[in-house]
Every structure is written in C-alpha cells, then in structure tokens.
Amino acid sequence: RLTRTPFIDVSGTYSTRDGALRIRQEGSSVTGCYDERGGTMEGGIEGRVMKLKWREKTQEHNEGEAMMVFSSDGQRWAGLFSYKGEDPEEGRFWTGVRRPADNGTCPNWKHGIEDALL
C-alpha cells in the first residue's frame, strides 16, 4: 500500500542565475522574492511542485507565472516561468540550488527569513 509522505519545508534561500531567491513556506502557501529586478512572488506548493505568480518593479513585462519542481531532498529545483500575456508554450527555464544559510528578507514578509526557518 502506498502512503503519502509530506514533503520537507522549502523555506530558505536558493542561488539562481538571477541572484538569490528567498522562499517562505507556511503550510501549502509560499511567498518570496528574488534579487534580480526586485521581484516578489506568492503561490502554493503541493508535494514537490510549487506554482507561483510573480511581479517585478522595474520591467516592462513585469508579472507572470512560474512552476518549479523540487528534488526529493529539497536542495535544488528546476522550473519554467512566463510573462503575463505571453504564449505559455514560450516558458523560460530557471534553476536553483539551496544555500546553506542566508539572513535576507523580502519586502512582502513581516519578519526576516530566520523566522521562517524556526
């Protein structure tokens, strides 16, 4: 008989080609931000799949959607993102690797990332 094992908490900071991506998970809800262009994001996670809506402050096409799939140990992810109004078939590839520690925070959080890791 198969059983469903809850996935580990993905809260933390991940290195990406666009700088740091910070994630705070609370249950199945996730919020976060990334250094490149001051982006913020929010969405949900089910198992190892995270779906997000993101928004940037400084770009012409400044919002869209993303989907990431985490490795079984939660140390890395791979995903696609697209801009609002863009053909979903034109997704762009993005990856991340968990950093050992980071004391950063996001503008859409009330407290620093250290609170999410407690």
PDB file of N, CA and C in Angstrom:
ATOM      1  N   ARG A   1       0.832  -1.181   0.000  1.00  0.00           N
ATOM      2  CA  ARG A   1       0.000   0.000   0.000  1.00  0.00           C
ATOM      3  C   ARG A   1       0.881   1.250   0.000  1.00  0.00           C
ATOM      4  N   LEU A   2       0.552   2.208  -0.841  1.00  0.00           N
ATOM      5  CA  LEU A   2       1.295   3.452  -0.916  1.00  0.00           C
ATOM      6  C   LEU A   2       0.848   4.409   0.176  1.00  0.00           C
ATOM      7  N   THR A   3       1.788   5.136   0.730  1.00  0.00           N
ATOM      8  CA  THR A   3       1.460   6.173   1.702  1.00  0.00           C
ATOM      9  C   THR A   3       1.999   7.497   1.195  1.00  0.00           C
ATOM     10  N   ARG A   4       1.392   8.564   1.618  1.00  0.00           N
ATOM     11  CA  ARG A   4       1.840   9.897   1.209  1.00  0.00           C
ATOM     12  C   ARG A   4       2.678  10.495   2.333  1.00  0.00           C
ATOM     13  N   THR A   5       3.953  10.735   2.038  1.00  0.00           N
ATOM     14  CA  THR A   5       4.855  11.347   2.998  1.00  0.00           C
ATOM     15  C   THR A   5       4.916  12.833   2.723  1.00  0.00           C
ATOM     16  N   PRO A   6       4.662  13.669   3.721  1.00  0.00           N
ATOM     17  CA  PRO A   6       4.731  15.110   3.482  1.00  0.00           C
ATOM     18  C   PRO A   6       6.128  15.513   3.024  1.00  0.00           C
ATOM     19  N   PHE A   7       6.195  16.458   2.111  1.00  0.00           N
ATOM     20  CA  PHE A   7       7.462  16.964   1.609  1.00  0.00           C
ATOM     21  C   PHE A   7       8.063  17.920   2.627  1.00  0.00           C
ATOM     22  N   ILE A   8       9.384  18.010   2.631  1.00  0.00           N
ATOM     23  CA  ILE A   8      10.069  18.900   3.556  1.00  0.00           C
ATOM     24  C   ILE A   8       9.736  20.360   3.262  1.00  0.00           C
ATOM     25  N   ASP A   9       9.929  21.201   4.252  1.00  0.00           N
ATOM     26  CA  ASP A   9       9.708  22.636   4.117  1.00  0.00           C
ATOM     27  C   ASP A   9      10.786  23.207   3.190  1.00  0.00           C
ATOM     28  N   VAL A  10      10.391  23.958   2.173  1.00  0.00           N
ATOM     29  CA  VAL A  10      11.352  24.521   1.217  1.00  0.00           C
ATOM     30  C   VAL A  10      11.783  25.933   1.577  1.00  0.00           C
ATOM     31  N   SER A  11      11.391  26.436   2.754  1.00  0.00           N
ATOM     32  CA  SER A  11      11.805  27.770   3.184  1.00  0.00           C
ATOM     33  C   SER A  11      13.321  27.870   3.173  1.00  0.00           C
ATOM     34  N   GLY A  12      13.818  28.960   2.617  1.00  0.00           N
ATOM     35  CA  GLY A  12      15.258  29.162   2.571  1.00  0.00           C
ATOM     36  C   GLY A  12      15.635  30.044   1.402  1.00  0.00           C
ATOM     37  N   THR A  13      16.927  30.105   1.128  1.00  0.00           N
ATOM     38  CA  THR A  13      17.453  30.917   0.046  1.00  0.00           C
ATOM     39  C   THR A  13      18.132  30.012  -0.967  1.00  0.00           C
ATOM     40  N   TYR A  14      17.873  30.272  -2.237  1.00  0.00           N
ATOM     41  CA  TYR A  14      18.411  29.471  -3.330  1.00  0.00           C
ATOM     42  C   TYR A  14      19.214  30.368  -4.269  1.00  0.00           C
ATOM     43  N   SER A  15      20.353  29.883  -4.722  1.00  0.00           N
ATOM     44  CA  SER A  15      21.158  30.592  -5.713  1.00  0.00           C
ATOM     45  C   SER A  15      20.595  30.308  -7.089  1.00  0.00           C
ATOM     46  N   THR A  16      20.404  31.367  -7.883  1.00  0.00           N
ATOM     47  CA  THR A  16      19.937  31.230  -9.261  1.00  0.00           C
ATOM     48  C   THR A  16      20.814  32.096 -10.157  1.00  0.00           C
ATOM     49  N   ARG A  17      20.640  31.993 -11.449  1.00  0.00           N
ATOM     50  CA  ARG A  17      21.415  32.828 -12.379  1.00  0.00           C
ATOM     51  C   ARG A  17      21.077  34.307 -12.209  1.00  0.00           C
ATOM     52  N   ASP A  18      19.935  34.596 -11.587  1.00  0.00           N
ATOM     53  CA  ASP A  18      19.500  35.973 -11.379  1.00  0.00           C
ATOM     54  C   ASP A  18      19.712  36.437  -9.945  1.00  0.00           C
ATOM     55  N   GLY A  19      20.573  35.768  -9.200  1.00  0.00           N
ATOM     56  CA  GLY A  19      20.812  36.134  -7.809  1.00  0.00           C
ATOM     57  C   GLY A  19      20.028  35.265  -6.852  1.00  0.00           C
ATOM     58  N   ALA A  20      19.884  35.733  -5.637  1.00  0.00           N
ATOM     59  CA  ALA A  20      19.223  34.956  -4.584  1.00  0.00           C
ATOM     60  C   ALA A  20      17.712  34.951  -4.762  1.00  0.00           C
ATOM     61  N   LEU A  21      17.109  33.794  -4.526  1.00  0.00           N
ATOM     62  CA  LEU A  21      15.656  33.622  -4.480  1.00  0.00           C
ATOM     63  C   LEU A  21      15.339  33.159  -3.068  1.00  0.00           C
ATOM     64  N   ARG A  22      14.512  33.926  -2.355  1.00  0.00           N
ATOM     65  CA  ARG A  22      14.150  33.595  -0.973  1.00  0.00           C
ATOM     66  C   ARG A  22      12.708  33.093  -0.942  1.00  0.00           C
ATOM     67  N   ILE A  23      12.500  31.992  -0.228  1.00  0.00           N
ATOM     68  CA  ILE A  23      11.175  31.374  -0.148  1.00  0.00           C
ATOM     69  C   ILE A  23      10.806  31.204   1.319  1.00  0.00           C
ATOM     70  N   ARG A  24       9.569  31.531   1.649  1.00  0.00           N
ATOM     71  CA  ARG A  24       8.999  31.242   2.966  1.00  0.00           C
ATOM     72  C   ARG A  24       7.764  30.386   2.725  1.00  0.00           C
ATOM     73  N   GLN A  25       7.761  29.201   3.315  1.00  0.00           N
ATOM     74  CA  GLN A  25       6.626  28.292   3.203  1.00  0.00           C
ATOM     75  C   GLN A  25       5.896  28.248   4.529  1.00  0.00           C
ATOM     76  N   GLU A  26       4.576  28.403   4.475  1.00  0.00           N
ATOM     77  CA  GLU A  26       3.719  28.277   5.653  1.00  0.00           C
ATOM     78  C   GLU A  26       2.578  27.356   5.252  1.00  0.00           C
ATOM     79  N   GLY A  27       2.685  26.086   5.650  1.00  0.00           N
ATOM     80  CA  GLY A  27       1.725  25.083   5.186  1.00  0.00           C
ATOM     81  C   GLY A  27       1.925  24.869   3.703  1.00  0.00           C
ATOM     82  N   SER A  28       0.856  25.008   2.931  1.00  0.00           N
ATOM     83  CA  SER A  28       0.975  24.855   1.478  1.00  0.00           C
ATOM     84  C   SER A  28       1.122  26.197   0.764  1.00  0.00           C
ATOM     85  N   SER A  29       1.177  27.301   1.509  1.00  0.00           N
ATOM     86  CA  SER A  29       1.348  28.635   0.919  1.00  0.00           C
ATOM     87  C   SER A  29       2.828  29.009   0.905  1.00  0.00           C
ATOM     88  N   VAL A  30       3.244  29.691  -0.168  1.00  0.00           N
ATOM     89  CA  VAL A  30       4.613  30.176  -0.266  1.00  0.00           C
ATOM     90  C   VAL A  30       4.612  31.635  -0.707  1.00  0.00           C
ATOM     91  N   THR A  31       5.549  32.386  -0.160  1.00  0.00           N
ATOM     92  CA  THR A  31       5.803  33.756  -0.591  1.00  0.00           C
ATOM     93  C   THR A  31       7.307  33.898  -0.709  1.00  0.00           C
ATOM     94  N   GLY A  32       7.737  34.926  -1.402  1.00  0.00           N
ATOM     95  CA  GLY A  32       9.170  35.111  -1.521  1.00  0.00           C
ATOM     96  C   GLY A  32       9.540  36.290  -2.381  1.00  0.00           C
ATOM     97  N   CYS A  33      10.834  36.359  -2.686  1.00  0.00           N
ATOM     98  CA  CYS A  33      11.354  37.425  -3.521  1.00  0.00           C
ATOM     99  C   CYS A  33      12.657  36.965  -4.150  1.00  0.00           C
ATOM    100  N   TYR A  34      13.099  37.716  -5.134  1.00  0.00           N
ATOM    101  CA  TYR A  34      14.392  37.440  -5.754  1.00  0.00           C
ATOM    102  C   TYR A  34      15.081  38.758  -6.045  1.00  0.00           C
ATOM    103  N   ASP A  35      16.405  38.719  -5.993  1.00  0.00           N
ATOM    104  CA  ASP A  35      17.212  39.933  -6.099  1.00  0.00           C
ATOM    105  C   ASP A  35      17.073  40.630  -7.445  1.00  0.00           C
ATOM    106  N   GLU A  36      17.055  39.865  -8.506  1.00  0.00           N
ATOM    107  CA  GLU A  36      17.005  40.447  -9.848  1.00  0.00           C
ATOM    108  C   GLU A  36      15.721  41.256 -10.033  1.00  0.00           C
ATOM    109  N   ARG A  37      15.840  42.520 -10.297  1.00  0.00           N
ATOM    110  CA  ARG A  37      14.733  43.426 -10.602  1.00  0.00           C
ATOM    111  C   ARG A  37      13.694  43.552  -9.485  1.00  0.00           C
ATOM    112  N   GLY A  38      14.073  43.241  -8.250  1.00  0.00           N
ATOM    113  CA  GLY A  38      13.173  43.447  -7.117  1.00  0.00           C
ATOM    114  C   GLY A  38      11.885  42.659  -7.198  1.00  0.00           C
ATOM    115  N   GLY A  39      11.943  41.415  -7.635  1.00  0.00           N
ATOM    116  CA  GLY A  39      10.739  40.611  -7.812  1.00  0.00           C
ATOM    117  C   GLY A  39      10.196  40.036  -6.522  1.00  0.00           C
ATOM    118  N   THR A  40       8.875  39.967  -6.430  1.00  0.00           N
ATOM    119  CA  THR A  40       8.203  39.282  -5.327  1.00  0.00           C
ATOM    120  C   THR A  40       7.299  38.209  -5.921  1.00  0.00           C
ATOM    121  N   MET A  41       6.936  37.219  -5.109  1.00  0.00           N
ATOM    122  CA  MET A  41       6.125  36.119  -5.611  1.00  0.00           C
ATOM    123  C   MET A  41       5.265  35.551  -4.492  1.00  0.00           C
ATOM    124  N   GLU A  42       4.193  34.869  -4.913  1.00  0.00           N
ATOM    125  CA  GLU A  42       3.331  34.168  -3.966  1.00  0.00           C
ATOM    126  C   GLU A  42       2.629  33.050  -4.704  1.00  0.00           C
ATOM    127  N   GLY A  43       2.301  32.001  -3.963  1.00  0.00           N
ATOM    128  CA  GLY A  43       1.636  30.862  -4.580  1.00  0.00           C
ATOM    129  C   GLY A  43       1.459  29.742  -3.588  1.00  0.00           C
ATOM    130  N   GLY A  44       1.575  28.512  -4.096  1.00  0.00           N
ATOM    131  CA  GLY A  44       1.366  27.348  -3.260  1.00  0.00           C
ATOM    132  C   GLY A  44       2.252  26.199  -3.676  1.00  0.00           C
ATOM    133  N   ILE A  45       2.356  25.213  -2.776  1.00  0.00           N
ATOM    134  CA  ILE A  45       3.154  24.026  -3.048  1.00  0.00           C
ATOM    135  C   ILE A  45       2.335  22.801  -2.697  1.00  0.00           C
ATOM    136  N   GLU A  46       2.428  21.797  -3.537  1.00  0.00           N
ATOM    137  CA  GLU A  46       1.788  20.505  -3.296  1.00  0.00           C
ATOM    138  C   GLU A  46       2.817  19.441  -3.622  1.00  0.00           C
ATOM    139  N   GLY A  47       3.165  18.647  -2.621  1.00  0.00           N
ATOM    140  CA  GLY A  47       4.235  17.680  -2.825  1.00  0.00           C
ATOM    141  C   GLY A  47       5.519  18.418  -3.138  1.00  0.00           C
ATOM    142  N   ARG A  48       6.118  18.120  -4.284  1.00  0.00           N
ATOM    143  CA  ARG A  48       7.366  18.782  -4.688  1.00  0.00           C
ATOM    144  C   ARG A  48       7.150  19.842  -5.756  1.00  0.00           C
ATOM    145  N   VAL A  49       5.892  20.181  -6.070  1.00  0.00           N
ATOM    146  CA  VAL A  49       5.588  21.135  -7.149  1.00  0.00           C
ATOM    147  C   VAL A  49       5.081  22.449  -6.562  1.00  0.00           C
ATOM    148  N   MET A  50       5.747  23.536  -6.936  1.00  0.00           N
ATOM    149  CA  MET A  50       5.371  24.865  -6.478  1.00  0.00           C
ATOM    150  C   MET A  50       4.888  25.677  -7.673  1.00  0.00           C
ATOM    151  N   LYS A  51       3.727  26.321  -7.530  1.00  0.00           N
ATOM    152  CA  LYS A  51       3.168  27.199  -8.562  1.00  0.00           C
ATOM    153  C   LYS A  51       3.085  28.599  -7.985  1.00  0.00           C
ATOM    154  N   LEU A  52       3.562  29.597  -8.761  1.00  0.00           N
ATOM    155  CA  LEU A  52       3.670  30.962  -8.271  1.00  0.00           C
ATOM    156  C   LEU A  52       3.181  31.990  -9.274  1.00  0.00           C
ATOM    157  N   LYS A  53       2.789  33.127  -8.756  1.00  0.00           N
ATOM    158  CA  LYS A  53       2.620  34.346  -9.543  1.00  0.00           C
ATOM    159  C   LYS A  53       3.722  35.278  -9.074  1.00  0.00           C
ATOM    160  N   TRP A  54       4.404  35.934 -10.008  1.00  0.00           N
ATOM    161  CA  TRP A  54       5.499  36.830  -9.660  1.00  0.00           C
ATOM    162  C   TRP A  54       5.267  38.205 -10.252  1.00  0.00           C
ATOM    163  N   ARG A  55       5.945  39.200  -9.653  1.00  0.00           N
ATOM    164  CA  ARG A  55       5.822  40.589 -10.096  1.00  0.00           C
ATOM    165  C   ARG A  55       7.157  41.281  -9.874  1.00  0.00           C
ATOM    166  N   GLU A  56       7.546  42.110 -10.830  1.00  0.00           N
ATOM    167  CA  GLU A  56       8.781  42.887 -10.727  1.00  0.00           C
ATOM    168  C   GLU A  56       8.460  44.365 -10.774  1.00  0.00           C
ATOM    169  N   LYS A  57       9.310  45.163 -10.153  1.00  0.00           N
ATOM    170  CA  LYS A  57       9.097  46.606 -10.099  1.00  0.00           C
ATOM    171  C   LYS A  57       9.582  47.329 -11.349  1.00  0.00           C
ATOM    172  N   THR A  58      10.621  46.822 -12.020  1.00  0.00           N
ATOM    173  CA  THR A  58      11.339  47.647 -12.986  1.00  0.00           C
ATOM    174  C   THR A  58      11.253  47.213 -14.440  1.00  0.00           C
ATOM    175  N   GLN A  59      10.485  46.216 -14.767  1.00  0.00           N
ATOM    176  CA  GLN A  59      10.460  45.716 -16.137  1.00  0.00           C
ATOM    177  C   GLN A  59       9.139  46.034 -16.843  1.00  0.00           C
ATOM    178  N   GLU A  60       9.208  46.176 -18.159  1.00  0.00           N
ATOM    179  CA  GLU A  60       8.004  46.449 -18.954  1.00  0.00           C
ATOM    180  C   GLU A  60       6.988  45.312 -18.803  1.00  0.00           C
ATOM    181  N   HIS A  61       7.441  44.086 -18.983  1.00  0.00           N
ATOM    182  CA  HIS A  61       6.588  42.902 -18.775  1.00  0.00           C
ATOM    183  C   HIS A  61       6.854  42.421 -17.358  1.00  0.00           C
ATOM    184  N   ASN A  62       6.227  43.041 -16.390  1.00  0.00           N
ATOM    185  CA  ASN A  62       6.671  42.861 -15.020  1.00  0.00           C
ATOM    186  C   ASN A  62       5.891  41.857 -14.188  1.00  0.00           C
ATOM    187  N   GLU A  63       5.172  40.951 -14.789  1.00  0.00           N
ATOM    188  CA  GLU A  63       4.493  39.932 -13.999  1.00  0.00           C
ATOM    189  C   GLU A  63       4.251  38.698 -14.834  1.00  0.00           C
ATOM    190  N   GLY A  64       4.000  37.589 -14.139  1.00  0.00           N
ATOM    191  CA  GLY A  64       3.757  36.341 -14.841  1.00  0.00           C
ATOM    192  C   GLY A  64       3.569  35.204 -13.863  1.00  0.00           C
ATOM    193  N   GLU A  65       3.784  33.994 -14.367  1.00  0.00           N
ATOM    194  CA  GLU A  65       3.602  32.785 -13.566  1.00  0.00           C
ATOM    195  C   GLU A  65       4.827  31.903 -13.683  1.00  0.00           C
ATOM    196  N   ALA A  66       5.002  31.036 -12.690  1.00  0.00           N
ATOM    197  CA  ALA A  66       6.120  30.096 -12.680  1.00  0.00           C
ATOM    198  C   ALA A  66       5.688  28.791 -12.037  1.00  0.00           C
ATOM    199  N   MET A  67       6.385  27.724 -12.404  1.00  0.00           N
ATOM    200  CA  MET A  67       6.190  26.421 -11.791  1.00  0.00           C
ATOM    201  C   MET A  67       7.569  25.818 -11.573  1.00  0.00           C
ATOM    202  N   MET A  68       7.815  25.326 -10.350  1.00  0.00           N
ATOM    203  CA  MET A  68       9.088  24.712 -10.018  1.00  0.00           C
ATOM    204  C   MET A  68       8.852  23.325  -9.441  1.00  0.00           C
ATOM    205  N   VAL A  69       9.768  22.410  -9.731  1.00  0.00           N
ATOM    206  CA  VAL A  69       9.732  21.069  -9.167  1.00  0.00           C
ATOM    207  C   VAL A  69      11.016  20.880  -8.367  1.00  0.00           C
ATOM    208  N   PHE A  70      10.869  20.519  -7.095  1.00  0.00           N
ATOM    209  CA  PHE A  70      11.999  20.342  -6.195  1.00  0.00           C
ATOM    210  C   PHE A  70      12.522  18.916  -6.233  1.00  0.00           C
ATOM    211  N   SER A  71      13.827  18.768  -6.010  1.00  0.00           N
ATOM    212  CA  SER A  71      14.423  17.443  -5.853  1.00  0.00           C
ATOM    213  C   SER A  71      13.867  16.815  -4.580  1.00  0.00           C
ATOM    214  N   SER A  72      14.004  15.511  -4.439  1.00  0.00           N
ATOM    215  CA  SER A  72      13.416  14.827  -3.283  1.00  0.00           C
ATOM    216  C   SER A  72      14.003  15.295  -1.952  1.00  0.00           C
ATOM    217  N   ASP A  73      15.238  15.808  -1.952  1.00  0.00           N
ATOM    218  CA  ASP A  73      15.830  16.303  -0.708  1.00  0.00           C
ATOM    219  C   ASP A  73      15.621  17.805  -0.511  1.00  0.00           C
ATOM    220  N   GLY A  74      14.964  18.482  -1.452  1.00  0.00           N
ATOM    221  CA  GLY A  74      14.665  19.906  -1.342  1.00  0.00           C
ATOM    222  C   GLY A  74      15.863  20.816  -1.539  1.00  0.00           C
ATOM    223  N   GLN A  75      16.968  20.289  -2.015  1.00  0.00           N
ATOM    224  CA  GLN A  75      18.192  21.082  -2.159  1.00  0.00           C
ATOM    225  C   GLN A  75      18.308  21.798  -3.500  1.00  0.00           C
ATOM    226  N   ARG A  76      17.485  21.440  -4.459  1.00  0.00           N
ATOM    227  CA  ARG A  76      17.518  22.112  -5.762  1.00  0.00           C
ATOM    228  C   ARG A  76      16.151  22.038  -6.414  1.00  0.00           C
ATOM    229  N   TRP A  77      15.938  22.908  -7.373  1.00  0.00           N
ATOM    230  CA  TRP A  77      14.686  22.907  -8.129  1.00  0.00           C
ATOM    231  C   TRP A  77      14.970  23.306  -9.576  1.00  0.00           C
ATOM    232  N   ALA A  78      14.054  22.934 -10.434  1.00  0.00           N
ATOM    233  CA  ALA A  78      14.078  23.343 -11.841  1.00  0.00           C
ATOM    234  C   ALA A  78      12.659  23.735 -12.193  1.00  0.00           C
ATOM    235  N   GLY A  79      12.518  24.732 -13.050  1.00  0.00           N
ATOM    236  CA  GLY A  79      11.174  25.169 -13.392  1.00  0.00           C
ATOM    237  C   GLY A  79      11.130  26.037 -14.626  1.00  0.00           C
ATOM    238  N   LEU A  80       9.919  26.467 -14.919  1.00  0.00           N
ATOM    239  CA  LEU A  80       9.655  27.356 -16.041  1.00  0.00           C
ATOM    240  C   LEU A  80       8.920  28.585 -15.543  1.00  0.00           C
ATOM    241  N   PHE A  81       9.163  29.722 -16.191  1.00  0.00           N
ATOM    242  CA  PHE A  81       8.388  30.920 -15.905  1.00  0.00           C
ATOM    243  C   PHE A  81       7.990  31.562 -17.215  1.00  0.00           C
ATOM    244  N   SER A  82       6.914  32.332 -17.179  1.00  0.00           N
ATOM    245  CA  SER A  82       6.460  33.038 -18.376  1.00  0.00           C
ATOM    246  C   SER A  82       5.926  34.401 -17.971  1.00  0.00           C
ATOM    247  N   TYR A  83       5.918  35.302 -18.934  1.00  0.00           N
ATOM    248  CA  TYR A  83       5.404  36.650 -18.719  1.00  0.00           C
ATOM    249  C   TYR A  83       3.906  36.685 -18.984  1.00  0.00           C
ATOM    250  N   LYS A  84       3.179  37.546 -18.275  1.00  0.00           N
ATOM    251  CA  LYS A  84       1.743  37.708 -18.473  1.00  0.00           C
ATOM    252  C   LYS A  84       1.473  38.082 -19.926  1.00  0.00           C
ATOM    253  N   GLY A  85       0.486  37.445 -20.529  1.00  0.00           N
ATOM    254  CA  GLY A  85       0.117  37.721 -21.904  1.00  0.00           C
ATOM    255  C   GLY A  85       0.953  36.981 -22.932  1.00  0.00           C
ATOM    256  N   GLU A  86       1.954  36.271 -22.488  1.00  0.00           N
ATOM    257  CA  GLU A  86       2.834  35.521 -23.378  1.00  0.00           C
ATOM    258  C   GLU A  86       2.260  34.114 -23.580  1.00  0.00           C
ATOM    259  N   ASP A  87       2.502  33.559 -24.731  1.00  0.00           N
ATOM    260  CA  ASP A  87       2.086  32.192 -25.016  1.00  0.00           C
ATOM    261  C   ASP A  87       2.727  31.262 -23.987  1.00  0.00           C
ATOM    262  N   PRO A  88       1.935  30.480 -23.241  1.00  0.00           N
ATOM    263  CA  PRO A  88       2.504  29.606 -22.213  1.00  0.00           C
ATOM    264  C   PRO A  88       3.491  28.580 -22.775  1.00  0.00           C
ATOM    265  N   GLU A  89       3.429  28.334 -24.067  1.00  0.00           N
ATOM    266  CA  GLU A  89       4.381  27.415 -24.702  1.00  0.00           C
ATOM    267  C   GLU A  89       5.780  28.018 -24.755  1.00  0.00           C
ATOM    268  N   GLU A  90       5.902  29.316 -24.486  1.00  0.00           N
ATOM    269  CA  GLU A  90       7.177  30.025 -24.577  1.00  0.00           C
ATOM    270  C   GLU A  90       7.847  30.183 -23.220  1.00  0.00           C
ATOM    271  N   GLY A  91       7.635  29.257 -22.313  1.00  0.00           N
ATOM    272  CA  GLY A  91       8.223  29.354 -20.985  1.00  0.00           C
ATOM    273  C   GLY A  91       9.741  29.388 -21.016  1.00  0.00           C
ATOM    274  N   ARG A  92      10.321  30.017 -20.019  1.00  0.00           N
ATOM    275  CA  ARG A  92      11.769  30.120 -19.876  1.00  0.00           C
ATOM    276  C   ARG A  92      12.225  29.247 -18.716  1.00  0.00           C
ATOM    277  N   PHE A  93      13.343  28.557 -18.890  1.00  0.00           N
ATOM    278  CA  PHE A  93      13.866  27.622 -17.903  1.00  0.00           C
ATOM    279  C   PHE A  93      14.614  28.367 -16.799  1.00  0.00           C
ATOM    280  N   TRP A  94      14.489  27.893 -15.551  1.00  0.00           N
ATOM    281  CA  TRP A  94      15.123  28.521 -14.401  1.00  0.00           C
ATOM    282  C   TRP A  94      15.473  27.432 -13.397  1.00  0.00           C
ATOM    283  N   THR A  95      16.620  27.531 -12.731  1.00  0.00           N
ATOM    284  CA  THR A  95      17.015  26.533 -11.739  1.00  0.00           C
ATOM    285  C   THR A  95      17.541  27.222 -10.486  1.00  0.00           C
ATOM    286  N   GLY A  96      17.546  26.477  -9.390  1.00  0.00           N
ATOM    287  CA  GLY A  96      18.071  26.999  -8.135  1.00  0.00           C
ATOM    288  C   GLY A  96      18.680  25.910  -7.284  1.00  0.00           C
ATOM    289  N   VAL A  97      19.673  26.311  -6.466  1.00  0.00           N
ATOM    290  CA  VAL A  97      20.347  25.405  -5.532  1.00  0.00           C
ATOM    291  C   VAL A  97      20.311  26.060  -4.160  1.00  0.00           C
ATOM    292  N   ARG A  98      19.899  25.293  -3.143  1.00  0.00           N
ATOM    293  CA  ARG A  98      19.760  25.825  -1.789  1.00  0.00           C
ATOM    294  C   ARG A  98      21.111  26.273  -1.240  1.00  0.00           C
ATOM    295  N   ARG A  99      21.130  27.458  -0.623  1.00  0.00           N
ATOM    296  CA  ARG A  99      22.308  27.959   0.080  1.00  0.00           C
ATOM    297  C   ARG A  99      22.275  27.428   1.500  1.00  0.00           C
ATOM    298  N   PRO A 100      23.448  27.252   2.111  1.00  0.00           N
ATOM    299  CA  PRO A 100      23.464  26.749   3.494  1.00  0.00           C
ATOM    300  C   PRO A 100      22.740  27.672   4.469  1.00  0.00           C
ATOM    301  N   ALA A 101      22.862  28.980   4.284  1.00  0.00           N
ATOM    302  CA  ALA A 101      22.211  29.927   5.191  1.00  0.00           C
ATOM    303  C   ALA A 101      22.135  31.289   4.515  1.00  0.00           C
ATOM    304  N   ASP A 102      21.191  32.099   4.957  1.00  0.00           N
ATOM    305  CA  ASP A 102      21.073  33.461   4.455  1.00  0.00           C
ATOM    306  C   ASP A 102      20.200  34.222   5.437  1.00  0.00           C
ATOM    307  N   ASN A 103      20.573  35.427   5.763  1.00  0.00           N
ATOM    308  CA  ASN A 103      19.792  36.206   6.713  1.00  0.00           C
ATOM    309  C   ASN A 103      18.964  37.273   6.015  1.00  0.00           C
ATOM    310  N   GLY A 104      18.711  37.106   4.736  1.00  0.00           N
ATOM    311  CA  GLY A 104      17.944  38.085   3.976  1.00  0.00           C
ATOM    312  C   GLY A 104      16.463  38.053   4.300  1.00  0.00           C
ATOM    313  N   THR A 105      15.768  39.012   3.769  1.00  0.00           N
ATOM    314  CA  THR A 105      14.331  39.121   3.975  1.00  0.00           C
ATOM    315  C   THR A 105      13.686  39.592   2.677  1.00  0.00           C
ATOM    316  N   CYS A 106      12.392  39.590   2.636  1.00  0.00           N
ATOM    317  CA  CYS A 106      11.644  40.029   1.460  1.00  0.00           C
ATOM    318  C   CYS A 106      10.709  41.175   1.855  1.00  0.00           C
ATOM    319  N   PRO A 107      10.438  42.077   0.923  1.00  0.00           N
ATOM    320  CA  PRO A 107       9.544  43.191   1.248  1.00  0.00           C
ATOM    321  C   PRO A 107       8.111  42.744   1.538  1.00  0.00           C
ATOM    322  N   ASN A 108       7.720  41.562   1.072  1.00  0.00           N
ATOM    323  CA  ASN A 108       6.366  41.069   1.310  1.00  0.00           C
ATOM    324  C   ASN A 108       6.285  40.163   2.543  1.00  0.00           C
ATOM    325  N   TRP A 109       7.327  40.166   3.388  1.00  0.00           N
ATOM    326  CA  TRP A 109       7.319  39.442   4.657  1.00  0.00           C
ATOM    327  C   TRP A 109       7.294  40.439   5.798  1.00  0.00           C
ATOM    328  N   LYS A 110       6.640  40.066   6.884  1.00  0.00           N
ATOM    329  CA  LYS A 110       6.628  40.918   8.066  1.00  0.00           C
ATOM    330  C   LYS A 110       7.937  40.778   8.852  1.00  0.00           C
ATOM    331  N   HIS A 111       8.576  39.605   8.754  1.00  0.00           N
ATOM    332  CA  HIS A 111       9.790  39.315   9.520  1.00  0.00           C
ATOM    333  C   HIS A 111      10.831  38.739   8.575  1.00  0.00           C
ATOM    334  N   GLY A 112      12.061  38.624   9.022  1.00  0.00           N
ATOM    335  CA  GLY A 112      13.160  38.077   8.230  1.00  0.00           C
ATOM    336  C   GLY A 112      13.032  36.590   8.001  1.00  0.00           C
ATOM    337  N   ILE A 113      13.842  36.063   7.106  1.00  0.00           N
ATOM    338  CA  ILE A 113      13.787  34.655   6.743  1.00  0.00           C
ATOM    339  C   ILE A 113      14.120  33.759   7.928  1.00  0.00           C
ATOM    340  N   GLU A 114      14.887  34.246   8.891  1.00  0.00           N
ATOM    341  CA  GLU A 114      15.203  33.419  10.038  1.00  0.00           C
ATOM    342  C   GLU A 114      13.940  32.970  10.766  1.00  0.00           C
ATOM    343  N   ASP A 115      12.868  33.754  10.747  1.00  0.00           N
ATOM    344  CA  ASP A 115      11.610  33.357  11.380  1.00  0.00           C
ATOM    345  C   ASP A 115      10.983  32.183  10.654  1.00  0.00           C
ATOM    346  N   ALA A 116      11.139  32.117   9.333  1.00  0.00           N
ATOM    347  CA  ALA A 116      10.555  31.031   8.556  1.00  0.00           C
ATOM    348  C   ALA A 116      11.284  29.728   8.803  1.00  0.00           C
ATOM    349  N   LEU A 117      12.547  29.788   9.243  1.00  0.00           N
ATOM    350  CA  LEU A 117      13.327  28.592   9.425  1.00  0.00           C
ATOM    351  C   LEU A 117      13.198  27.999  10.825  1.00  0.00           C
ATOM    352  N   LEU A 118      12.496  28.691  11.732  1.00  0.00           N
ATOM    353  CA  LEU A 118      12.331  28.193  13.105  1.00  0.00           C
ATOM    354  C   LEU A 118      11.305  27.100  13.177  1.00  0.00           C
TER     355      LEU A 118
END
